[in-house]
Protein backbone atom coordinates (compact mmCIF):
# COMPACT_ATOMS: atom_id res chain seq x y z
CA MET A 1 -39.50 -111.69 -54.48
CA ASN A 2 -38.47 -112.52 -50.91
CA LYS A 3 -37.17 -109.74 -48.74
CA ALA A 4 -33.43 -109.20 -49.22
CA ARG A 5 -31.08 -109.88 -46.35
CA PHE A 6 -29.11 -106.69 -46.89
CA ILE A 7 -26.29 -105.08 -44.95
CA LEU A 8 -26.48 -103.13 -41.70
CA ILE A 9 -29.99 -101.73 -41.92
CA GLY A 10 -32.50 -102.83 -39.36
CA LEU A 11 -34.88 -100.02 -40.27
CA MET A 12 -35.89 -100.90 -43.83
CA THR A 13 -39.26 -102.48 -44.57
CA ALA A 14 -38.35 -103.97 -47.94
CA ILE A 15 -34.75 -104.84 -47.14
CA VAL A 16 -33.42 -106.61 -44.06
CA ILE A 17 -29.90 -107.29 -42.89
CA LEU A 18 -27.56 -109.42 -44.96
CA LEU A 19 -25.00 -110.52 -42.43
CA MET A 20 -24.68 -114.19 -42.99
CA GLY A 21 -22.26 -116.63 -41.37
CA CYS A 22 -19.39 -116.00 -38.98
CA GLY A 23 -15.92 -117.53 -38.78
CA ALA A 24 -12.71 -117.27 -40.78
CA ASN A 25 -11.89 -118.56 -44.23
CA ASP A 26 -9.49 -121.52 -44.20
CA SER A 27 -8.12 -121.17 -47.73
CA LYS A 28 -4.97 -123.19 -48.33
CA GLY A 29 -1.74 -121.29 -48.68
CA VAL A 30 -2.99 -118.24 -46.80
CA SER A 31 -0.77 -116.89 -44.06
CA GLU A 32 -2.67 -115.71 -41.01
CA GLU A 33 -2.02 -112.81 -38.66
CA THR A 34 -4.05 -112.92 -35.46
CA ASP A 35 -5.61 -109.89 -33.83
CA ASP A 36 -2.74 -110.02 -31.33
CA ALA A 37 -2.34 -106.34 -30.65
CA ALA A 38 -5.57 -106.44 -28.99
CA ASP A 39 -3.20 -104.00 -27.49
CA GLN A 40 -6.57 -102.38 -27.51
CA GLY A 41 -5.58 -99.23 -25.78
CA ASN A 42 -1.99 -98.98 -26.92
CA THR A 43 -0.85 -97.30 -30.09
CA VAL A 44 1.82 -99.20 -32.03
CA LYS A 45 4.30 -97.41 -34.28
CA VAL A 46 3.87 -97.70 -38.03
CA GLY A 47 6.41 -99.81 -39.92
CA HIS A 48 8.28 -98.74 -43.04
CA ILE A 49 6.47 -98.60 -46.38
CA SER A 50 6.84 -101.67 -48.59
CA ASP A 51 7.41 -101.41 -52.33
CA GLU A 52 4.68 -104.00 -52.81
CA LYS A 53 1.14 -102.88 -53.56
CA TYR A 54 -1.94 -104.54 -52.14
CA PHE A 55 -5.69 -104.52 -52.18
CA TYR A 56 -7.78 -105.57 -49.21
CA THR A 57 -11.23 -107.06 -48.73
CA ALA A 58 -13.38 -106.76 -45.61
CA ASN A 59 -14.87 -110.19 -44.96
CA GLU A 60 -17.98 -110.44 -42.81
CA GLY A 61 -16.86 -113.88 -41.64
CA GLY A 62 -14.35 -112.12 -39.39
CA THR A 63 -11.24 -111.53 -41.48
CA ILE A 64 -9.48 -109.05 -43.75
CA SER A 65 -7.79 -110.46 -46.86
CA LYS A 66 -4.59 -108.74 -48.01
CA ILE A 67 -3.85 -109.49 -51.67
CA ASN A 68 -0.70 -108.65 -53.63
CA VAL A 69 -1.57 -106.67 -56.76
CA LYS A 70 1.39 -108.14 -58.65
CA ASP A 71 0.26 -111.78 -58.60
CA ASN A 72 -3.28 -111.53 -57.16
CA LYS A 73 -2.39 -113.97 -54.37
CA VAL A 74 -3.51 -113.62 -50.77
CA ALA A 75 -0.47 -112.41 -48.84
CA ALA A 76 -2.05 -112.44 -45.37
CA THR A 77 -5.34 -112.94 -43.60
CA LEU A 78 -5.97 -110.65 -40.64
CA LYS A 79 -8.39 -112.05 -38.08
CA ALA A 80 -10.88 -109.93 -36.15
CA GLU A 81 -13.42 -110.82 -33.48
CA GLY A 82 -16.62 -109.72 -35.13
CA ILE A 83 -18.05 -108.87 -38.54
CA VAL A 84 -15.70 -106.84 -40.76
CA HIS A 85 -17.86 -104.72 -43.02
CA ASN A 86 -15.72 -102.15 -44.80
CA VAL A 87 -12.07 -101.29 -45.31
CA GLN A 88 -9.93 -98.42 -46.65
CA ILE A 89 -6.23 -97.64 -47.05
CA SER A 90 -4.93 -94.23 -45.92
CA PRO A 91 -3.81 -91.74 -48.60
CA ASP A 92 -0.15 -92.30 -47.72
CA GLY A 93 -0.52 -96.07 -48.05
CA LYS A 94 0.70 -96.80 -44.52
CA ILE A 95 -2.52 -97.68 -42.69
CA VAL A 96 -5.54 -99.80 -43.48
CA ALA A 97 -8.71 -99.16 -41.49
CA ALA A 98 -11.70 -101.48 -41.13
CA THR A 99 -15.11 -101.26 -39.48
CA LEU A 100 -15.94 -104.02 -37.02
CA VAL A 101 -19.45 -104.96 -35.87
CA PRO A 102 -19.34 -107.08 -32.68
CA LYS A 103 -21.02 -110.48 -32.51
CA PRO A 104 -23.64 -111.09 -29.81
CA GLU A 105 -22.01 -112.59 -26.73
CA GLY A 106 -22.07 -116.37 -26.84
CA GLY A 107 -23.59 -116.61 -30.29
CA HIS A 108 -23.31 -116.14 -34.04
CA GLY A 109 -26.48 -114.12 -34.55
CA ASP A 110 -27.12 -112.74 -38.01
CA HIS A 111 -27.42 -109.20 -36.74
CA GLY A 112 -23.93 -108.96 -35.28
CA GLY A 113 -24.76 -107.20 -32.02
CA HIS A 114 -27.79 -105.34 -33.34
CA GLU A 115 -30.12 -106.90 -30.78
CA ILE A 116 -28.12 -105.73 -27.78
CA GLY A 117 -26.91 -102.39 -29.08
CA ILE A 118 -23.18 -102.95 -28.62
CA PRO A 119 -20.98 -100.13 -29.96
CA GLY A 120 -18.77 -101.09 -32.88
CA SER A 121 -15.20 -100.08 -33.58
CA VAL A 122 -12.63 -99.19 -36.20
CA LEU A 123 -9.44 -101.23 -36.47
CA PHE A 124 -6.25 -99.59 -37.73
CA TYR A 125 -3.53 -101.90 -39.09
CA ASP A 126 0.02 -101.28 -40.29
CA VAL A 127 0.09 -102.13 -44.00
CA HIS A 128 3.69 -103.36 -43.83
CA THR A 129 3.67 -105.44 -40.65
CA ASN A 130 -0.05 -106.37 -40.52
CA LYS A 131 -0.04 -105.43 -36.84
CA LEU A 132 -3.05 -103.87 -35.15
CA LEU A 133 -2.09 -100.30 -34.28
CA LYS A 134 -5.28 -99.13 -32.61
CA LYS A 135 -8.89 -100.09 -31.96
CA VAL A 136 -11.23 -97.11 -31.66
CA GLU A 137 -14.78 -97.46 -30.33
CA VAL A 138 -17.41 -95.69 -32.42
CA GLY A 139 -21.21 -95.98 -32.66
CA LYS A 140 -23.54 -98.91 -33.19
CA HIS A 141 -23.22 -100.84 -36.43
CA PRO A 142 -20.32 -98.98 -38.04
CA ALA A 143 -20.71 -99.28 -41.81
CA HIS A 144 -18.13 -97.53 -44.01
CA VAL A 145 -14.80 -95.92 -43.13
CA VAL A 146 -13.09 -93.26 -45.27
CA PHE A 147 -9.94 -91.17 -44.84
CA THR A 148 -9.94 -87.54 -45.94
CA ASN A 149 -7.49 -86.98 -48.79
CA ASP A 150 -5.41 -84.60 -46.69
CA GLY A 151 -4.87 -87.41 -44.18
CA LYS A 152 -6.29 -85.37 -41.32
CA TYR A 153 -9.47 -87.26 -40.45
CA VAL A 154 -11.10 -90.67 -40.65
CA LEU A 155 -14.90 -90.76 -40.91
CA VAL A 156 -17.13 -93.68 -39.95
CA THR A 157 -20.87 -94.03 -40.48
CA ASN A 158 -22.82 -95.54 -37.57
CA ASN A 159 -25.80 -97.16 -39.24
CA GLU A 160 -27.89 -97.82 -36.15
CA ASP A 161 -27.10 -94.53 -34.36
CA HIS A 162 -27.80 -92.33 -37.42
CA THR A 163 -24.46 -90.58 -36.93
CA ALA A 164 -20.95 -90.27 -38.32
CA THR A 165 -17.88 -90.42 -36.08
CA VAL A 166 -14.90 -88.21 -36.91
CA ILE A 167 -11.50 -89.54 -35.80
CA GLU A 168 -8.21 -87.63 -35.89
CA ALA A 169 -5.97 -89.77 -38.10
CA ASN A 170 -2.67 -89.07 -36.34
CA SER A 171 -3.82 -89.55 -32.75
CA TYR A 172 -6.75 -91.95 -33.31
CA LYS A 173 -8.81 -89.73 -31.01
CA VAL A 174 -12.53 -89.20 -31.62
CA VAL A 175 -13.02 -85.55 -32.53
CA THR A 176 -16.80 -85.44 -32.68
CA THR A 177 -19.96 -87.28 -33.66
CA ILE A 178 -22.22 -85.73 -36.30
CA ALA A 179 -25.94 -86.41 -36.74
CA THR A 180 -26.89 -87.69 -40.21
CA GLY A 181 -30.06 -89.01 -41.79
CA LYS A 182 -31.48 -92.40 -40.83
CA GLY A 183 -29.39 -95.46 -41.61
CA PRO A 184 -26.14 -93.86 -42.86
CA HIS A 185 -24.10 -96.31 -44.88
CA GLY A 186 -21.65 -95.82 -47.78
CA PHE A 187 -20.02 -92.50 -48.59
CA ARG A 188 -17.16 -90.64 -50.23
CA ILE A 189 -15.39 -87.40 -49.37
CA SER A 190 -14.64 -84.59 -51.81
CA ALA A 191 -11.08 -84.30 -53.15
CA ASP A 192 -10.55 -81.09 -51.17
CA SER A 193 -11.40 -83.00 -47.94
CA ARG A 194 -14.20 -80.56 -47.14
CA LEU A 195 -17.49 -82.39 -47.80
CA ALA A 196 -18.66 -85.93 -47.09
CA TYR A 197 -21.61 -87.32 -49.06
CA ILE A 198 -23.30 -90.00 -46.94
CA ALA A 199 -26.03 -92.30 -48.28
CA ASN A 200 -28.87 -92.67 -45.75
CA MET A 201 -30.45 -96.01 -46.60
CA ALA A 202 -33.46 -95.68 -44.31
CA GLU A 203 -34.74 -92.31 -45.54
CA ASP A 204 -33.68 -92.17 -49.22
CA THR A 205 -31.40 -89.17 -48.78
CA VAL A 206 -27.74 -88.17 -48.91
CA SER A 207 -26.37 -86.11 -46.02
CA VAL A 208 -23.81 -83.50 -47.03
CA ILE A 209 -21.43 -83.15 -44.07
CA ASN A 210 -19.23 -80.06 -43.85
CA LEU A 211 -15.91 -81.03 -42.27
CA ASP A 212 -15.00 -77.41 -41.57
CA THR A 213 -18.05 -76.87 -39.36
CA MET A 214 -18.47 -80.57 -38.43
CA LYS A 215 -22.19 -80.33 -39.16
CA GLU A 216 -24.70 -81.63 -41.68
CA GLU A 217 -24.93 -78.87 -44.26
CA LYS A 218 -27.96 -80.18 -46.14
CA LYS A 219 -29.79 -83.30 -47.32
CA LEU A 220 -30.38 -84.34 -50.90
CA LYS A 221 -33.41 -86.46 -51.79
CA VAL A 222 -31.97 -89.01 -54.19
CA GLY A 223 -34.23 -92.05 -54.62
CA GLU A 224 -35.06 -95.37 -53.01
CA THR A 225 -32.52 -97.10 -50.75
CA PRO A 226 -29.27 -95.26 -51.50
CA VAL A 227 -26.35 -97.51 -50.58
CA THR A 228 -23.14 -95.67 -51.46
CA THR A 229 -21.96 -92.51 -53.17
CA GLY A 230 -19.16 -91.33 -55.43
CA ILE A 231 -18.03 -87.77 -56.11
CA THR A 232 -15.88 -86.54 -58.99
CA LYS A 233 -12.57 -84.80 -58.24
CA ASP A 234 -13.94 -81.43 -59.35
CA GLY A 235 -16.82 -81.84 -56.90
CA ASN A 236 -19.42 -81.24 -59.61
CA THR A 237 -20.96 -84.69 -60.07
CA LEU A 238 -22.40 -86.98 -57.41
CA ALA A 239 -23.23 -90.63 -58.14
CA VAL A 240 -25.51 -92.64 -55.83
CA THR A 241 -26.51 -96.31 -56.08
CA LEU A 242 -30.24 -96.88 -55.57
CA PHE A 243 -30.63 -100.50 -54.50
CA THR A 244 -34.41 -100.79 -54.73
CA GLU A 245 -34.66 -98.92 -58.05
CA ASN A 246 -31.84 -100.88 -59.77
CA ALA A 247 -30.41 -97.53 -60.78
CA LEU A 248 -27.54 -95.09 -60.43
CA ALA A 249 -28.55 -91.50 -59.67
CA ILE A 250 -26.26 -88.91 -61.25
CA ILE A 251 -26.61 -85.44 -59.75
CA ASP A 252 -25.09 -82.18 -60.96
CA ILE A 253 -24.14 -80.46 -57.70
CA GLU A 254 -24.25 -76.96 -59.19
CA THR A 255 -27.51 -77.14 -61.17
CA ASP A 256 -29.21 -79.92 -59.16
CA GLU A 257 -30.01 -81.72 -62.44
CA ARG A 258 -30.75 -85.40 -61.67
CA VAL A 259 -30.71 -88.39 -63.98
CA LYS A 260 -31.36 -92.00 -63.05
CA VAL A 261 -29.56 -94.62 -65.12
CA LYS A 262 -30.83 -98.21 -65.02
CA VAL A 263 -28.07 -100.66 -64.09
CA GLY A 264 -28.11 -104.26 -62.85
CA LEU A 265 -30.17 -105.82 -60.08
CA GLY A 266 -29.61 -104.38 -56.60
CA PRO A 267 -26.62 -102.06 -57.14
CA ALA A 268 -24.42 -101.77 -54.06
CA GLN A 269 -21.15 -99.87 -54.34
CA VAL A 270 -20.07 -97.36 -56.97
CA TYR A 271 -16.54 -96.17 -57.78
CA ILE A 272 -15.66 -93.26 -60.05
CA ASP A 273 -12.52 -93.86 -62.09
CA PRO A 274 -9.45 -91.63 -61.59
CA ASN A 275 -10.25 -89.71 -64.80
CA ASP A 276 -13.82 -88.90 -63.71
CA GLN A 277 -15.10 -90.44 -66.93
CA PHE A 278 -16.94 -93.55 -65.77
CA ALA A 279 -18.83 -94.81 -62.74
CA PHE A 280 -18.34 -98.51 -62.05
CA VAL A 281 -21.33 -100.10 -60.32
CA ALA A 282 -21.30 -103.49 -58.58
CA ASN A 283 -24.71 -105.15 -58.90
CA GLN A 284 -25.34 -107.38 -55.88
CA GLY A 285 -28.97 -108.38 -56.10
CA THR A 286 -30.25 -110.31 -53.08
CA GLU A 287 -29.34 -113.63 -51.52
CA ASP A 288 -32.49 -115.17 -53.01
CA VAL A 289 -32.00 -113.52 -56.41
CA PRO A 290 -28.30 -112.70 -56.70
CA SER A 291 -26.86 -110.51 -59.41
CA ASN A 292 -23.43 -111.04 -60.93
CA SER A 293 -22.38 -108.03 -62.96
CA MET A 294 -20.58 -104.71 -62.99
CA SER A 295 -22.17 -101.88 -64.95
CA ILE A 296 -19.97 -99.17 -66.46
CA VAL A 297 -21.78 -95.84 -66.72
CA ASP A 298 -20.48 -92.94 -68.80
CA LEU A 299 -20.92 -89.88 -66.57
CA LYS A 300 -21.10 -87.48 -69.52
CA SER A 301 -23.65 -89.29 -71.69
CA LYS A 302 -25.34 -90.78 -68.59
CA ARG A 303 -25.81 -94.23 -70.05
CA VAL A 304 -24.48 -97.73 -69.48
CA VAL A 305 -21.68 -98.37 -71.97
CA ASP A 306 -20.79 -101.89 -70.83
CA GLU A 307 -21.79 -104.62 -68.41
CA ILE A 308 -19.30 -107.29 -67.37
CA GLU A 309 -20.10 -110.60 -65.73
CA THR A 310 -18.60 -111.07 -62.27
CA GLY A 311 -19.44 -113.52 -59.46
CA ASN A 312 -22.63 -113.87 -57.44
CA GLY A 313 -23.47 -111.00 -55.12
CA SER A 314 -21.11 -108.36 -56.49
CA HIS A 315 -20.85 -105.73 -53.78
CA GLY A 316 -17.63 -103.72 -53.44
CA VAL A 317 -15.73 -102.22 -56.36
CA VAL A 318 -12.50 -100.25 -56.84
CA ILE A 319 -10.42 -99.25 -59.87
CA SER A 320 -6.63 -99.24 -60.14
CA GLN A 321 -4.99 -95.83 -60.33
CA ASP A 322 -4.01 -96.42 -63.96
CA SER A 323 -7.64 -97.34 -64.79
CA LYS A 324 -6.54 -100.69 -66.22
CA PHE A 325 -8.21 -103.02 -63.74
CA ALA A 326 -11.43 -103.24 -61.74
CA TYR A 327 -11.70 -105.30 -58.55
CA VAL A 328 -15.12 -106.54 -57.41
CA THR A 329 -16.04 -108.53 -54.28
CA ASN A 330 -18.57 -111.33 -54.75
CA MET A 331 -20.34 -111.81 -51.41
CA PHE A 332 -22.22 -115.00 -52.16
CA GLU A 333 -19.24 -117.01 -53.38
CA ASN A 334 -16.32 -115.63 -51.32
CA THR A 335 -14.35 -114.40 -54.32
CA VAL A 336 -12.99 -111.29 -56.00
CA SER A 337 -13.32 -110.69 -59.75
CA ILE A 338 -10.30 -108.94 -61.25
CA ILE A 339 -11.31 -107.38 -64.55
CA ASP A 340 -8.91 -106.26 -67.27
CA LEU A 341 -10.75 -103.19 -68.52
CA THR A 342 -9.02 -103.35 -71.93
CA SER A 343 -9.50 -107.01 -72.83
CA LYS A 344 -12.53 -107.51 -70.52
CA GLU A 345 -10.95 -110.75 -69.30
CA VAL A 346 -11.98 -111.71 -65.76
CA THR A 347 -9.77 -113.51 -63.24
CA THR A 348 -11.40 -114.92 -60.11
CA ILE A 349 -9.60 -115.49 -56.80
CA GLU A 350 -10.79 -116.81 -53.45
CA VAL A 351 -10.70 -114.57 -50.38
CA GLY A 352 -12.30 -114.67 -46.92
CA GLU A 353 -15.88 -115.49 -46.08
CA ILE A 354 -18.52 -113.01 -47.32
CA PRO A 355 -16.23 -110.33 -48.83
CA ASN A 356 -17.88 -106.93 -48.59
CA GLY A 357 -15.85 -103.70 -48.80
CA ILE A 358 -12.66 -103.43 -50.86
CA THR A 359 -9.79 -100.93 -51.12
CA ILE A 360 -6.61 -100.67 -53.20
CA MET A 361 -3.30 -98.85 -52.72
CA GLU A 362 -2.75 -95.94 -55.07
């Protein structure tokens, strides 16, 4: 098998960066909002909350797709100068944040600024108006962005710097930078907003970050090439995708019992459903050997109970708050699979170029 061009990880020997083309998607019927508030140092006030609900995809081609949940149509395309890797909506549904990796000056290099060590940033947009509220500089190669449930902080992993940046959500000010393991990538934060579980792709560990002390509390050895994590609401069960092992690691936090469940080829993101019953795993594979499925793992029995066909290069996954639908980004065909979890029917829609991260309003 050829080496995989995987995301944001210049340190791996078996996996290299998957940051393909640049440029925006020109889908017909899509309204476009430019990155006009490159009001880069000014904070813009948040608009009123709309009754509409949306999900968003982070597209590495340089856009963010905003899709209406009601009709699954793209409502707006937000442009950004760089590679948009991950995206998340704030707990109150007012703000959407996205990580932005800069492109090399004067070129469209695959590594998105990796060669010249340019710091990345986090973009904060108003969900209602689509306006850029703030652009905050963070470390090199920002990967995932996550809000704490209490709305106090925003955390960002800096893949190349081996750190996590903590931003105060209200002021957009950087509070501190915390050392992690090598190659920090995807992560989730406990429901009580106290602990962040960060997958370190380059050293096969998960950093447990204490947000009271703002320090790494410990590291968990989890398996080969951990990509993202999920944590149950009670804080007792940690799920970690292991890209190289084609497996999901399930860890009992209290007893340290560990079970590896075989899933599809090259699992990327994992999302634990609102009832803490299932872990939904998007199986990406590689560009040379793409996968196209979502595995559903029962967290109690620790086995795969279903596998649903998606599109090529399934990467990001989220579940609706009522647990009726799953939404999966398909990186290698610029689409999202919308899966009815009752009927198992799959609807496919087009979004921006190289959709990666995904988030949905609660």
